[in-house]
Amino acid sequence: MDAPLAEQDLKALFLRHARQLQSYLLRKTRDPHLAADLAQESFLRLTEQRNKEPIEHVDAYLYRTAHNLTIDHYRQERRRRTETRPNDDLAGFVADQPGPEESAVDADALARLREIVAELPPRTREIFRLNRLEGLTHAEVARRLEISDSSVQKHLARALAHVMQALEDSR
């Protein structure tokens, strides 16, 4: 696929591959919630990459990304389990807060993200907020809103495609 993926193409790709990708990840992780989150992140990475350089084999890219995210997840989990103690000698060298310029850039980016998310339909916006901002898994969002897990995934796919397209358009 040489041309950049359009939003419609991304939605179709998501609907065509989401279940298979999630099943693949479920076999690797044995955790349905983690598999759903990693599948969603794989599609998000695909949307981020889509306009940077052509992706010749989108399916292979998607599965390789999912595989790498799984490895990264378990590496991070291993690091979290390792107890580390802060080095008091280095405490004075690391700034605890960002500088004024970084704060201004972060505030502008956050304001733009809020505008983009506000454009989403109310239900999609709520699902996006619960998953991406409050950190709930797909299953937790589904239980809280009394909807199916696949409905959560579809809403998130639409939300992520909209957010990524709006961010791309604002560059």
N, C-alpha and C. Protein backbone atom coordinates (compact mmCIF):
# COMPACT_ATOMS: atom_id res chain seq x y z
N MET A 1 0.86 -1.16 0.00
CA MET A 1 0.00 0.00 0.00
C MET A 1 0.90 1.23 0.00
N ASP A 2 1.01 1.92 -1.11
CA ASP A 2 1.94 3.02 -1.22
C ASP A 2 1.35 4.36 -0.80
N ALA A 3 0.06 4.58 -0.99
CA ALA A 3 -0.56 5.86 -0.64
C ALA A 3 -0.83 5.89 0.86
N PRO A 4 -0.83 7.10 1.45
CA PRO A 4 -1.16 7.20 2.87
C PRO A 4 -2.57 6.69 3.12
N LEU A 5 -2.78 6.09 4.27
CA LEU A 5 -4.09 5.54 4.60
C LEU A 5 -5.05 6.66 4.97
N ALA A 6 -6.22 6.67 4.37
CA ALA A 6 -7.26 7.63 4.71
C ALA A 6 -7.99 7.12 5.94
N GLU A 7 -8.76 8.00 6.56
CA GLU A 7 -9.49 7.64 7.78
C GLU A 7 -10.44 6.47 7.51
N GLN A 8 -11.13 6.47 6.37
CA GLN A 8 -12.02 5.37 6.03
C GLN A 8 -11.25 4.05 5.91
N ASP A 9 -10.06 4.12 5.28
CA ASP A 9 -9.23 2.93 5.15
C ASP A 9 -8.83 2.39 6.52
N LEU A 10 -8.53 3.29 7.44
CA LEU A 10 -8.15 2.87 8.80
C LEU A 10 -9.30 2.18 9.50
N LYS A 11 -10.50 2.75 9.35
CA LYS A 11 -11.67 2.13 9.98
C LYS A 11 -11.92 0.74 9.40
N ALA A 12 -11.84 0.63 8.08
CA ALA A 12 -12.05 -0.67 7.43
C ALA A 12 -10.98 -1.66 7.88
N LEU A 13 -9.74 -1.20 7.94
CA LEU A 13 -8.64 -2.05 8.38
C LEU A 13 -8.88 -2.52 9.82
N PHE A 14 -9.32 -1.60 10.66
CA PHE A 14 -9.59 -1.95 12.06
C PHE A 14 -10.69 -3.01 12.13
N LEU A 15 -11.79 -2.76 11.43
CA LEU A 15 -12.91 -3.69 11.48
C LEU A 15 -12.53 -5.05 10.91
N ARG A 16 -11.65 -5.07 9.92
CA ARG A 16 -11.26 -6.32 9.28
C ARG A 16 -10.27 -7.12 10.14
N HIS A 17 -9.39 -6.44 10.88
CA HIS A 17 -8.29 -7.14 11.56
C HIS A 17 -8.35 -7.12 13.08
N ALA A 18 -9.23 -6.36 13.67
CA ALA A 18 -9.19 -6.20 15.13
C ALA A 18 -9.34 -7.52 15.87
N ARG A 19 -10.33 -8.32 15.51
CA ARG A 19 -10.55 -9.59 16.21
C ARG A 19 -9.39 -10.55 16.04
N GLN A 20 -8.87 -10.67 14.81
CA GLN A 20 -7.75 -11.58 14.56
C GLN A 20 -6.51 -11.13 15.33
N LEU A 21 -6.25 -9.83 15.32
CA LEU A 21 -5.09 -9.30 16.03
C LEU A 21 -5.25 -9.53 17.53
N GLN A 22 -6.45 -9.31 18.03
CA GLN A 22 -6.69 -9.51 19.46
C GLN A 22 -6.53 -10.99 19.83
N SER A 23 -7.00 -11.88 18.97
CA SER A 23 -6.83 -13.33 19.22
C SER A 23 -5.35 -13.70 19.23
N TYR A 24 -4.60 -13.15 18.29
CA TYR A 24 -3.15 -13.38 18.24
C TYR A 24 -2.51 -12.93 19.56
N LEU A 25 -2.88 -11.74 20.01
CA LEU A 25 -2.30 -11.20 21.25
C LEU A 25 -2.78 -11.98 22.47
N LEU A 26 -4.00 -12.47 22.43
CA LEU A 26 -4.51 -13.27 23.53
C LEU A 26 -3.71 -14.57 23.68
N ARG A 27 -3.34 -15.17 22.55
CA ARG A 27 -2.51 -16.38 22.61
C ARG A 27 -1.14 -16.06 23.22
N LYS A 28 -0.62 -14.88 22.96
CA LYS A 28 0.70 -14.52 23.49
C LYS A 28 0.63 -14.11 24.97
N THR A 29 -0.43 -13.39 25.36
CA THR A 29 -0.49 -12.81 26.70
C THR A 29 -1.34 -13.60 27.69
N ARG A 30 -2.32 -14.33 27.18
CA ARG A 30 -3.29 -15.05 28.01
C ARG A 30 -4.07 -14.11 28.92
N ASP A 31 -4.20 -12.86 28.50
CA ASP A 31 -4.95 -11.85 29.25
C ASP A 31 -5.81 -11.08 28.26
N PRO A 32 -7.14 -11.29 28.28
CA PRO A 32 -8.00 -10.65 27.29
C PRO A 32 -7.97 -9.12 27.36
N HIS A 33 -7.84 -8.57 28.54
CA HIS A 33 -7.82 -7.11 28.67
C HIS A 33 -6.51 -6.54 28.12
N LEU A 34 -5.42 -7.18 28.44
CA LEU A 34 -4.13 -6.75 27.91
C LEU A 34 -4.10 -6.90 26.39
N ALA A 35 -4.64 -8.01 25.90
CA ALA A 35 -4.67 -8.24 24.44
C ALA A 35 -5.46 -7.13 23.75
N ALA A 36 -6.59 -6.74 24.32
CA ALA A 36 -7.40 -5.67 23.73
C ALA A 36 -6.64 -4.34 23.75
N ASP A 37 -5.99 -4.05 24.85
CA ASP A 37 -5.23 -2.80 24.94
C ASP A 37 -4.06 -2.78 23.96
N LEU A 38 -3.36 -3.89 23.84
CA LEU A 38 -2.22 -3.95 22.91
C LEU A 38 -2.69 -3.87 21.46
N ALA A 39 -3.82 -4.48 21.15
CA ALA A 39 -4.36 -4.38 19.79
C ALA A 39 -4.71 -2.93 19.48
N GLN A 40 -5.35 -2.27 20.43
CA GLN A 40 -5.71 -0.86 20.23
C GLN A 40 -4.46 -0.01 20.04
N GLU A 41 -3.45 -0.25 20.84
CA GLU A 41 -2.20 0.51 20.72
C GLU A 41 -1.52 0.24 19.38
N SER A 42 -1.64 -0.99 18.89
CA SER A 42 -1.05 -1.32 17.58
C SER A 42 -1.69 -0.50 16.47
N PHE A 43 -3.00 -0.38 16.53
CA PHE A 43 -3.69 0.44 15.53
C PHE A 43 -3.35 1.92 15.69
N LEU A 44 -3.19 2.36 16.92
CA LEU A 44 -2.79 3.75 17.14
C LEU A 44 -1.42 4.01 16.54
N ARG A 45 -0.48 3.10 16.74
CA ARG A 45 0.86 3.25 16.16
C ARG A 45 0.79 3.27 14.63
N LEU A 46 -0.09 2.46 14.06
CA LEU A 46 -0.26 2.44 12.61
C LEU A 46 -0.75 3.80 12.13
N THR A 47 -1.71 4.40 12.85
CA THR A 47 -2.22 5.70 12.43
C THR A 47 -1.14 6.77 12.56
N GLU A 48 -0.30 6.66 13.56
CA GLU A 48 0.78 7.63 13.72
C GLU A 48 1.81 7.50 12.60
N GLN A 49 2.04 6.29 12.15
CA GLN A 49 3.08 6.01 11.15
C GLN A 49 2.59 6.24 9.73
N ARG A 50 1.30 6.24 9.52
CA ARG A 50 0.74 6.15 8.16
C ARG A 50 1.19 7.23 7.21
N ASN A 51 1.43 8.44 7.68
CA ASN A 51 1.83 9.52 6.77
C ASN A 51 3.32 9.82 6.81
N LYS A 52 4.05 9.15 7.66
CA LYS A 52 5.49 9.40 7.74
C LYS A 52 6.22 8.74 6.58
N GLU A 53 5.87 7.50 6.30
CA GLU A 53 6.49 6.78 5.20
C GLU A 53 5.51 5.71 4.74
N PRO A 54 5.54 5.36 3.47
CA PRO A 54 4.61 4.34 2.97
C PRO A 54 4.84 2.99 3.66
N ILE A 55 3.77 2.31 3.95
CA ILE A 55 3.84 0.98 4.53
C ILE A 55 3.37 0.03 3.46
N GLU A 56 4.29 -0.80 3.01
CA GLU A 56 3.98 -1.68 1.89
C GLU A 56 3.03 -2.81 2.30
N HIS A 57 3.27 -3.42 3.45
CA HIS A 57 2.45 -4.54 3.91
C HIS A 57 1.85 -4.15 5.26
N VAL A 58 0.68 -3.55 5.22
CA VAL A 58 0.05 -3.02 6.43
C VAL A 58 -0.23 -4.14 7.43
N ASP A 59 -0.69 -5.28 6.96
CA ASP A 59 -0.99 -6.39 7.87
C ASP A 59 0.26 -6.82 8.64
N ALA A 60 1.35 -6.99 7.92
CA ALA A 60 2.60 -7.40 8.56
C ALA A 60 3.08 -6.34 9.55
N TYR A 61 2.95 -5.07 9.17
CA TYR A 61 3.34 -3.97 10.05
C TYR A 61 2.53 -4.02 11.34
N LEU A 62 1.23 -4.26 11.21
CA LEU A 62 0.34 -4.29 12.35
C LEU A 62 0.71 -5.43 13.31
N TYR A 63 0.95 -6.61 12.77
CA TYR A 63 1.29 -7.76 13.62
C TYR A 63 2.69 -7.61 14.23
N ARG A 64 3.63 -7.06 13.50
CA ARG A 64 4.97 -6.85 14.05
C ARG A 64 4.90 -5.83 15.18
N THR A 65 4.10 -4.78 14.98
CA THR A 65 3.93 -3.77 16.02
C THR A 65 3.32 -4.40 17.27
N ALA A 66 2.30 -5.23 17.08
CA ALA A 66 1.66 -5.91 18.21
C ALA A 66 2.66 -6.81 18.94
N HIS A 67 3.45 -7.54 18.18
CA HIS A 67 4.47 -8.41 18.77
C HIS A 67 5.46 -7.59 19.60
N ASN A 68 5.94 -6.48 19.02
CA ASN A 68 6.90 -5.64 19.72
C ASN A 68 6.29 -4.99 20.97
N LEU A 69 5.04 -4.57 20.87
CA LEU A 69 4.37 -3.98 22.04
C LEU A 69 4.23 -5.01 23.16
N THR A 70 3.98 -6.26 22.80
CA THR A 70 3.88 -7.32 23.80
C THR A 70 5.23 -7.49 24.52
N ILE A 71 6.29 -7.53 23.76
CA ILE A 71 7.62 -7.65 24.35
C ILE A 71 7.90 -6.45 25.25
N ASP A 72 7.60 -5.24 24.76
CA ASP A 72 7.81 -4.03 25.56
C ASP A 72 7.01 -4.06 26.86
N HIS A 73 5.77 -4.53 26.76
CA HIS A 73 4.92 -4.59 27.96
C HIS A 73 5.56 -5.48 29.03
N TYR A 74 6.01 -6.66 28.63
CA TYR A 74 6.59 -7.56 29.61
C TYR A 74 7.94 -7.06 30.14
N ARG A 75 8.69 -6.36 29.32
CA ARG A 75 9.93 -5.75 29.82
C ARG A 75 9.62 -4.68 30.87
N GLN A 76 8.63 -3.84 30.57
CA GLN A 76 8.26 -2.80 31.53
C GLN A 76 7.71 -3.40 32.81
N GLU A 77 6.94 -4.46 32.67
CA GLU A 77 6.40 -5.12 33.86
C GLU A 77 7.52 -5.67 34.73
N ARG A 78 8.53 -6.23 34.09
CA ARG A 78 9.68 -6.76 34.83
C ARG A 78 10.41 -5.63 35.55
N ARG A 79 10.57 -4.49 34.87
CA ARG A 79 11.24 -3.34 35.49
C ARG A 79 10.45 -2.81 36.67
N ARG A 80 9.11 -2.79 36.54
CA ARG A 80 8.28 -2.29 37.64
C ARG A 80 8.40 -3.17 38.86
N ARG A 81 8.59 -4.45 38.64
CA ARG A 81 8.73 -5.37 39.78
C ARG A 81 10.07 -5.23 40.47
N THR A 82 11.06 -4.75 39.74
CA THR A 82 12.39 -4.57 40.31
C THR A 82 12.37 -3.32 41.18
N GLU A 83 12.72 -3.50 42.41
CA GLU A 83 12.73 -2.37 43.31
C GLU A 83 13.98 -1.53 43.08
N THR A 84 13.77 -0.25 42.88
CA THR A 84 14.90 0.66 42.74
C THR A 84 14.78 1.74 43.80
N ARG A 85 15.89 2.18 44.23
CA ARG A 85 15.91 3.25 45.23
C ARG A 85 16.53 4.49 44.60
N PRO A 86 15.94 5.65 44.86
CA PRO A 86 16.49 6.87 44.26
C PRO A 86 17.89 7.14 44.78
N ASN A 87 18.71 7.65 43.92
CA ASN A 87 20.07 8.00 44.29
C ASN A 87 20.06 9.44 44.79
N ASP A 88 20.25 9.62 46.08
CA ASP A 88 20.18 10.95 46.68
C ASP A 88 21.24 11.89 46.12
N ASP A 89 22.37 11.36 45.65
CA ASP A 89 23.42 12.21 45.10
C ASP A 89 22.98 12.91 43.82
N LEU A 90 22.07 12.29 43.06
CA LEU A 90 21.63 12.87 41.79
C LEU A 90 20.37 13.72 41.93
N ALA A 91 19.76 13.73 43.08
CA ALA A 91 18.49 14.43 43.26
C ALA A 91 18.58 15.92 42.92
N GLY A 92 19.69 16.56 43.19
CA GLY A 92 19.81 17.99 42.92
C GLY A 92 20.02 18.33 41.46
N PHE A 93 20.38 17.37 40.64
CA PHE A 93 20.66 17.63 39.23
C PHE A 93 19.44 17.51 38.32
N VAL A 94 18.39 16.87 38.78
CA VAL A 94 17.22 16.64 37.96
C VAL A 94 16.14 17.64 38.32
N ALA A 95 15.64 18.35 37.31
CA ALA A 95 14.57 19.31 37.54
C ALA A 95 13.27 18.57 37.81
N ASP A 96 12.58 18.95 38.86
CA ASP A 96 11.31 18.30 39.20
C ASP A 96 10.17 18.79 38.31
N GLN A 97 10.29 20.00 37.78
CA GLN A 97 9.22 20.58 36.98
C GLN A 97 9.78 21.07 35.66
N PRO A 98 8.94 21.03 34.61
CA PRO A 98 9.40 21.53 33.31
C PRO A 98 9.60 23.05 33.34
N GLY A 99 10.42 23.53 32.42
CA GLY A 99 10.63 24.96 32.31
C GLY A 99 9.42 25.66 31.74
N PRO A 100 9.42 27.01 31.72
CA PRO A 100 8.26 27.77 31.24
C PRO A 100 7.93 27.49 29.78
N GLU A 101 8.95 27.32 28.95
CA GLU A 101 8.70 27.06 27.52
C GLU A 101 8.02 25.71 27.33
N GLU A 102 8.53 24.68 28.02
CA GLU A 102 7.92 23.36 27.93
C GLU A 102 6.49 23.38 28.45
N SER A 103 6.24 24.12 29.52
CA SER A 103 4.89 24.22 30.08
C SER A 103 3.94 24.88 29.09
N ALA A 104 4.39 25.91 28.39
CA ALA A 104 3.54 26.60 27.41
C ALA A 104 3.21 25.69 26.24
N VAL A 105 4.20 24.96 25.74
CA VAL A 105 3.98 24.03 24.63
C VAL A 105 3.02 22.93 25.07
N ASP A 106 3.22 22.39 26.26
CA ASP A 106 2.33 21.34 26.77
C ASP A 106 0.90 21.86 26.93
N ALA A 107 0.76 23.09 27.42
CA ALA A 107 -0.58 23.67 27.61
C ALA A 107 -1.28 23.86 26.27
N ASP A 108 -0.54 24.32 25.25
CA ASP A 108 -1.13 24.49 23.92
C ASP A 108 -1.57 23.15 23.33
N ALA A 109 -0.72 22.15 23.46
CA ALA A 109 -1.03 20.83 22.92
C ALA A 109 -2.25 20.24 23.64
N LEU A 110 -2.30 20.41 24.95
CA LEU A 110 -3.43 19.90 25.72
C LEU A 110 -4.72 20.62 25.33
N ALA A 111 -4.64 21.92 25.14
CA ALA A 111 -5.82 22.68 24.73
C ALA A 111 -6.32 22.21 23.36
N ARG A 112 -5.41 21.97 22.43
CA ARG A 112 -5.79 21.48 21.10
C ARG A 112 -6.41 20.09 21.19
N LEU A 113 -5.84 19.23 22.02
CA LEU A 113 -6.40 17.89 22.20
C LEU A 113 -7.81 17.97 22.78
N ARG A 114 -8.02 18.84 23.73
CA ARG A 114 -9.36 19.00 24.31
C ARG A 114 -10.36 19.45 23.26
N GLU A 115 -9.95 20.37 22.39
CA GLU A 115 -10.84 20.83 21.31
C GLU A 115 -11.20 19.67 20.39
N ILE A 116 -10.21 18.88 20.03
CA ILE A 116 -10.43 17.76 19.11
C ILE A 116 -11.37 16.73 19.75
N VAL A 117 -11.13 16.41 21.00
CA VAL A 117 -11.96 15.42 21.70
C VAL A 117 -13.38 15.96 21.86
N ALA A 118 -13.54 17.25 22.05
CA ALA A 118 -14.87 17.85 22.18
C ALA A 118 -15.69 17.71 20.90
N GLU A 119 -15.03 17.53 19.78
CA GLU A 119 -15.73 17.36 18.49
C GLU A 119 -16.35 15.97 18.36
N LEU A 120 -15.93 15.03 19.17
CA LEU A 120 -16.43 13.65 19.09
C LEU A 120 -17.89 13.58 19.56
N PRO A 121 -18.64 12.61 19.05
CA PRO A 121 -20.00 12.39 19.58
C PRO A 121 -19.91 12.07 21.08
N PRO A 122 -20.93 12.43 21.85
CA PRO A 122 -20.87 12.28 23.33
C PRO A 122 -20.47 10.88 23.80
N ARG A 123 -21.06 9.83 23.24
CA ARG A 123 -20.76 8.47 23.69
C ARG A 123 -19.30 8.11 23.38
N THR A 124 -18.86 8.45 22.18
CA THR A 124 -17.48 8.17 21.77
C THR A 124 -16.51 8.95 22.65
N ARG A 125 -16.85 10.20 22.92
CA ARG A 125 -16.01 11.05 23.77
C ARG A 125 -15.89 10.44 25.17
N GLU A 126 -16.98 9.95 25.73
CA GLU A 126 -16.97 9.36 27.06
C GLU A 126 -16.10 8.10 27.09
N ILE A 127 -16.24 7.26 26.07
CA ILE A 127 -15.44 6.03 25.99
C ILE A 127 -13.96 6.37 25.85
N PHE A 128 -13.65 7.35 25.02
CA PHE A 128 -12.26 7.80 24.85
C PHE A 128 -11.71 8.32 26.19
N ARG A 129 -12.49 9.13 26.87
CA ARG A 129 -12.06 9.69 28.15
C ARG A 129 -11.77 8.59 29.18
N LEU A 130 -12.68 7.63 29.29
CA LEU A 130 -12.50 6.56 30.27
C LEU A 130 -11.27 5.70 29.96
N ASN A 131 -11.07 5.40 28.68
CA ASN A 131 -9.96 4.52 28.30
C ASN A 131 -8.63 5.25 28.28
N ARG A 132 -8.57 6.36 27.58
CA ARG A 132 -7.28 7.02 27.35
C ARG A 132 -6.88 7.98 28.47
N LEU A 133 -7.84 8.61 29.11
CA LEU A 133 -7.48 9.59 30.13
C LEU A 133 -7.55 9.01 31.55
N GLU A 134 -8.54 8.15 31.80
CA GLU A 134 -8.64 7.55 33.13
C GLU A 134 -7.94 6.19 33.21
N GLY A 135 -7.54 5.65 32.06
CA GLY A 135 -6.76 4.43 32.04
C GLY A 135 -7.53 3.14 32.24
N LEU A 136 -8.85 3.16 32.05
CA LEU A 136 -9.62 1.93 32.18
C LEU A 136 -9.39 1.04 30.97
N THR A 137 -9.42 -0.26 31.19
CA THR A 137 -9.28 -1.20 30.08
C THR A 137 -10.59 -1.22 29.29
N HIS A 138 -10.55 -1.86 28.13
CA HIS A 138 -11.76 -1.97 27.31
C HIS A 138 -12.88 -2.65 28.10
N ALA A 139 -12.54 -3.72 28.79
CA ALA A 139 -13.54 -4.47 29.56
C ALA A 139 -14.14 -3.62 30.68
N GLU A 140 -13.30 -2.83 31.35
CA GLU A 140 -13.81 -1.97 32.43
C GLU A 140 -14.74 -0.90 31.88
N VAL A 141 -14.39 -0.33 30.74
CA VAL A 141 -15.26 0.67 30.11
C VAL A 141 -16.58 0.02 29.72
N ALA A 142 -16.50 -1.16 29.13
CA ALA A 142 -17.71 -1.87 28.70
C ALA A 142 -18.63 -2.15 29.89
N ARG A 143 -18.06 -2.62 30.99
CA ARG A 143 -18.87 -2.90 32.18
C ARG A 143 -19.48 -1.62 32.73
N ARG A 144 -18.69 -0.56 32.81
CA ARG A 144 -19.19 0.69 33.39
C ARG A 144 -20.33 1.27 32.56
N LEU A 145 -20.22 1.19 31.24
CA LEU A 145 -21.24 1.78 30.36
C LEU A 145 -22.29 0.77 29.90
N GLU A 146 -22.13 -0.48 30.36
CA GLU A 146 -23.07 -1.55 30.03
C GLU A 146 -23.23 -1.73 28.52
N ILE A 147 -22.07 -1.83 27.85
CA ILE A 147 -22.03 -2.09 26.42
C ILE A 147 -21.03 -3.21 26.17
N SER A 148 -20.99 -3.71 24.95
CA SER A 148 -20.07 -4.81 24.64
C SER A 148 -18.65 -4.30 24.47
N ASP A 149 -17.71 -5.20 24.64
CA ASP A 149 -16.30 -4.89 24.45
C ASP A 149 -16.04 -4.46 23.01
N SER A 150 -16.69 -5.12 22.06
CA SER A 150 -16.48 -4.76 20.65
C SER A 150 -17.02 -3.36 20.36
N SER A 151 -18.07 -2.97 21.05
CA SER A 151 -18.61 -1.61 20.88
C SER A 151 -17.60 -0.58 21.40
N VAL A 152 -16.97 -0.90 22.50
CA VAL A 152 -15.92 -0.01 23.04
C VAL A 152 -14.80 0.11 22.01
N GLN A 153 -14.38 -1.01 21.44
CA GLN A 153 -13.30 -0.99 20.46
C GLN A 153 -13.67 -0.16 19.24
N LYS A 154 -14.89 -0.29 18.76
CA LYS A 154 -15.32 0.47 17.58
C LYS A 154 -15.35 1.97 17.87
N HIS A 155 -15.87 2.34 19.04
CA HIS A 155 -15.88 3.76 19.42
C HIS A 155 -14.46 4.30 19.52
N LEU A 156 -13.57 3.51 20.14
CA LEU A 156 -12.18 3.95 20.27
C LEU A 156 -11.49 4.07 18.92
N ALA A 157 -11.79 3.15 18.02
CA ALA A 157 -11.20 3.22 16.68
C ALA A 157 -11.62 4.51 15.99
N ARG A 158 -12.91 4.83 16.09
CA ARG A 158 -13.40 6.08 15.49
C ARG A 158 -12.75 7.29 16.16
N ALA A 159 -12.69 7.26 17.48
CA ALA A 159 -12.11 8.39 18.21
C ALA A 159 -10.64 8.58 17.85
N LEU A 160 -9.88 7.50 17.86
CA LEU A 160 -8.45 7.60 17.55
C LEU A 160 -8.22 8.05 16.12
N ALA A 161 -9.03 7.54 15.19
CA ALA A 161 -8.88 7.97 13.80
C ALA A 161 -9.18 9.47 13.68
N HIS A 162 -10.21 9.93 14.37
CA HIS A 162 -10.56 11.36 14.33
C HIS A 162 -9.46 12.21 14.96
N VAL A 163 -8.98 11.80 16.12
CA VAL A 163 -7.93 12.57 16.81
C VAL A 163 -6.66 12.63 15.97
N MET A 164 -6.25 11.48 15.44
CA MET A 164 -5.02 11.46 14.64
C MET A 164 -5.17 12.30 13.38
N GLN A 165 -6.34 12.22 12.72
CA GLN A 165 -6.55 13.01 11.51
C GLN A 165 -6.54 14.50 11.85
N ALA A 166 -7.20 14.89 12.92
CA ALA A 166 -7.25 16.30 13.32
C ALA A 166 -5.86 16.81 13.69
N LEU A 167 -5.07 16.00 14.37
CA LEU A 167 -3.71 16.41 14.72
C LEU A 167 -2.86 16.55 13.46
N GLU A 168 -3.04 15.61 12.53
CA GLU A 168 -2.29 15.67 11.27
C GLU A 168 -2.68 16.92 10.48
N ASP A 169 -3.97 17.24 10.45
CA ASP A 169 -4.45 18.41 9.72
C ASP A 169 -3.97 19.72 10.34
N SER A 170 -3.72 19.71 11.64
CA SER A 170 -3.32 20.95 12.31
C SER A 170 -1.82 21.21 12.24
N ARG A 171 -1.07 20.27 11.66
CA ARG A 171 0.39 20.46 11.55
C ARG A 171 0.73 21.42 10.46
